[in-house]
C-alpha atoms as a PDB file:
ATOM      1  CA  MET A   1       0.074   0.470  -0.176  1.00  0.00           C
ATOM      2  CA  LYS A   2       1.472   3.373  -1.033  1.00  0.00           C
ATOM      3  CA  ILE A   3       0.765   6.281   1.505  1.00  0.00           C
ATOM      4  CA  THR A   4       1.485   9.854  -0.530  1.00  0.00           C
ATOM      5  CA  SER A   5       3.011  12.840   1.513  1.00  0.00           C
ATOM      6  CA  LYS A   6       3.197  15.849   0.230  1.00  0.00           C
ATOM      7  CA  ASN A   7       7.186  15.472   1.556  1.00  0.00           C
ATOM      8  CA  THR A   8       9.522  13.669  -0.676  1.00  0.00           C
ATOM      9  CA  GLN A   9      11.629  11.868   2.004  1.00  0.00           C
ATOM     10  CA  ASP A  10       8.176  10.153   3.301  1.00  0.00           C
ATOM     11  CA  ASN A  11       7.381   9.510   0.021  1.00  0.00           C
ATOM     12  CA  PHE A  12      10.413   8.553  -0.329  1.00  0.00           C
ATOM     13  CA  LEU A  13      10.454   6.323   2.686  1.00  0.00           C
ATOM     14  CA  THR A  14       7.224   4.516   2.001  1.00  0.00           C
ATOM     15  CA  ASP A  15       8.367   3.222  -1.495  1.00  0.00           C
ATOM     16  CA  THR A  16      11.594   2.170  -0.229  1.00  0.00           C
ATOM     17  CA  ALA A  17       9.255   0.124   2.765  1.00  0.00           C
ATOM     18  CA  ASP A  18       7.224  -1.063  -0.596  1.00  0.00           C
ATOM     19  CA  ALA A  19       9.703  -2.288  -1.738  1.00  0.00           C
ATOM     20  CA  GLY A  20      10.535  -4.861   0.141  1.00  0.00           C
ATOM     21  CA  VAL A  21       7.991  -6.392   1.524  1.00  0.00           C
ATOM     22  CA  TYR A  22       7.605  -7.714  -3.157  1.00  0.00           C
ATOM     23  CA  LYS A  23       9.672  -8.983  -4.858  1.00  0.00           C
ATOM     24  CA  THR A  24       8.759  -8.489  -8.984  1.00  0.00           C
ATOM     25  CA  ILE A  25      10.200 -11.571 -11.021  1.00  0.00           C
ATOM     26  CA  THR A  26       9.522 -11.103 -15.009  1.00  0.00           C
ATOM     27  CA  LEU A  27       8.887 -14.157 -16.222  1.00  0.00           C
ATOM     28  CA  GLU A  28      10.631 -15.336 -20.019  1.00  0.00           C
ATOM     29  CA  GLU A  29       7.845 -17.609 -20.574  1.00  0.00           C
ATOM     30  CA  PRO A  30       4.346 -15.967 -19.496  1.00  0.00           C
ATOM     31  CA  LEU A  31       1.545 -18.352 -18.510  1.00  0.00           C
ATOM     32  CA  THR A  32      -1.678 -17.845 -19.785  1.00  0.00           C
ATOM     33  CA  ARG A  33      -4.468 -17.806 -17.998  1.00  0.00           C
ATOM     34  CA  GLY A  34      -7.887 -17.603 -19.707  1.00  0.00           C
ATOM     35  CA  ASP A  35      -7.666 -14.238 -21.685  1.00  0.00           C
ATOM     36  CA  THR A  36      -5.095 -13.046 -18.978  1.00  0.00           C
ATOM     37  CA  LEU A  37      -1.388 -13.085 -20.156  1.00  0.00           C
ATOM     38  CA  ILE A  38       0.832 -13.041 -16.292  1.00  0.00           C
ATOM     39  CA  THR A  39       4.216 -11.711 -17.910  1.00  0.00           C
ATOM     40  CA  SER A  40       5.468 -10.864 -14.833  1.00  0.00           C
ATOM     41  CA  VAL A  41       3.930 -12.152 -10.716  1.00  0.00           C
ATOM     42  CA  GLN A  42       5.162 -11.011  -7.353  1.00  0.00           C
ATOM     43  CA  ILE A  43       6.508 -12.348  -4.415  1.00  0.00           C
ATOM     44  CA  ARG A  44       6.518 -11.461  -1.339  1.00  0.00           C
ATOM     45  CA  LYS A  45       7.858 -13.060   2.113  1.00  0.00           C
ATOM     46  CA  PRO A  46       6.717 -15.940   3.529  1.00  0.00           C
ATOM     47  CA  VAL A  47       5.224 -16.094   6.955  1.00  0.00           C
ATOM     48  CA  ALA A  48       5.517 -19.219   9.525  1.00  0.00           C
ATOM     49  CA  GLY A  49       1.937 -20.414   8.367  1.00  0.00           C
ATOM     50  CA  GLU A  50       2.162 -20.356   5.409  1.00  0.00           C
ATOM     51  CA  LEU A  51       5.083 -23.162   6.118  1.00  0.00           C
ATOM     52  CA  ARG A  52       3.442 -25.736   8.053  1.00  0.00           C
ATOM     53  CA  GLY A  53       3.517 -28.659   6.338  1.00  0.00           C
ATOM     54  CA  VAL A  54       6.838 -27.099   4.348  1.00  0.00           C
ATOM     55  CA  SER A  55      10.764 -28.373   4.869  1.00  0.00           C
ATOM     56  CA  LEU A  56      12.660 -26.050   5.007  1.00  0.00           C
ATOM     57  CA  MET A  57      15.761 -28.133   3.766  1.00  0.00           C
ATOM     58  CA  ASP A  58      13.329 -28.983   0.619  1.00  0.00           C
ATOM     59  CA  LEU A  59      12.018 -25.655   0.181  1.00  0.00           C
ATOM     60  CA  GLY A  60      15.516 -24.729   0.426  1.00  0.00           C
ATOM     61  CA  ASN A  61      16.709 -27.186  -2.304  1.00  0.00           C
ATOM     62  CA  LEU A  62      14.028 -25.862  -4.541  1.00  0.00           C
ATOM     63  CA  ASP A  63      12.336 -28.652  -4.478  1.00  0.00           C
ATOM     64  CA  VAL A  64       8.883 -28.424  -7.116  1.00  0.00           C
ATOM     65  CA  VAL A  65       6.211 -29.738  -4.284  1.00  0.00           C
ATOM     66  CA  SER A  66       7.485 -27.409  -2.006  1.00  0.00           C
ATOM     67  CA  LEU A  67       7.355 -24.733  -4.085  1.00  0.00           C
ATOM     68  CA  GLN A  68       3.652 -26.005  -5.158  1.00  0.00           C
ATOM     69  CA  ARG A  69       2.166 -24.808  -2.124  1.00  0.00           C
ATOM     70  CA  VAL A  70       4.245 -22.231  -0.536  1.00  0.00           C
ATOM     71  CA  LEU A  71       4.403 -20.299  -3.807  1.00  0.00           C
ATOM     72  CA  PRO A  72      -0.321 -19.704  -4.338  1.00  0.00           C
ATOM     73  CA  CYS A  73       0.339 -18.330  -0.523  1.00  0.00           C
ATOM     74  CA  ILE A  74       2.933 -15.413  -1.711  1.00  0.00           C
ATOM     75  CA  THR A  75       2.443 -15.171  -5.712  1.00  0.00           C
ATOM     76  CA  ILE A  76       0.690 -12.328  -6.688  1.00  0.00           C
ATOM     77  CA  PRO A  77      -1.652 -13.036  -8.940  1.00  0.00           C
ATOM     78  CA  THR A  78      -2.217 -15.791  -7.268  1.00  0.00           C
ATOM     79  CA  LEU A  79       0.084 -18.686  -8.949  1.00  0.00           C
ATOM     80  CA  ALA A  80      -2.688 -21.817  -8.577  1.00  0.00           C
ATOM     81  CA  SER A  81      -0.307 -25.377  -8.216  1.00  0.00           C
ATOM     82  CA  HIS A  82      -0.675 -26.339 -11.438  1.00  0.00           C
ATOM     83  CA  ASP A  83       0.137 -23.005 -12.767  1.00  0.00           C
ATOM     84  CA  VAL A  84       3.850 -23.950 -10.766  1.00  0.00           C
ATOM     85  CA  ALA A  85       2.986 -26.694 -12.852  1.00  0.00           C
ATOM     86  CA  LYS A  86       3.198 -24.847 -16.347  1.00  0.00           C
ATOM     87  CA  LEU A  87       6.137 -22.286 -15.391  1.00  0.00           C
ATOM     88  CA  ASP A  88       9.018 -22.623 -18.197  1.00  0.00           C
ATOM     89  CA  LEU A  89      12.073 -24.082 -15.822  1.00  0.00           C
ATOM     90  CA  SER A  90      13.863 -20.744 -15.641  1.00  0.00           C
ATOM     91  CA  ASP A  91      10.984 -18.915 -14.398  1.00  0.00           C
ATOM     92  CA  LEU A  92      10.331 -21.940 -11.637  1.00  0.00           C
ATOM     93  CA  MET A  93      14.368 -21.247 -10.655  1.00  0.00           C
ATOM     94  CA  ALA A  94      13.920 -17.513 -10.923  1.00  0.00           C
ATOM     95  CA  LEU A  95      11.025 -17.743  -8.162  1.00  0.00           C
ATOM     96  CA  GLY A  96      11.969 -20.983  -6.253  1.00  0.00           C
ATOM     97  CA  SER A  97      15.559 -18.890  -5.790  1.00  0.00           C
ATOM     98  CA  GLU A  98      13.586 -15.423  -4.641  1.00  0.00           C
ATOM     99  CA  VAL A  99      12.028 -18.023  -2.307  1.00  0.00           C
ATOM    100  CA  ALA A 100      15.599 -19.163  -1.022  1.00  0.00           C
ATOM    101  CA  ILE A 101      17.540 -15.870  -0.150  1.00  0.00           C
ATOM    102  CA  PHE A 102      14.963 -15.122   1.678  1.00  0.00           C
ATOM    103  CA  PHE A 103      15.263 -18.003   4.588  1.00  0.00           C
ATOM    104  CA  CYS A 104      18.897 -15.714   4.217  1.00  0.00           C
END
């Protein structure tokens, strides 16, 4: 959420805070969902409840099944597990790498 202010310092701090919440990944091979073409996905750091039932070791190793469980919880637009299964390998690696970076 962006908060507008007359003070440019406030705008800078707000924009910086928003930028740290989501990371935008541009897909090399866009996904098609009905009439919608998804060319980029925003991903955010998961919270503990979104990792329920997922091994952190598997997630850190970019296990596809683990990514299929977590990515629907942390992406905009929401990628369903079948969307994750249709991703190009390079796009899956890019999203998975961002998830792994969140744990560093």
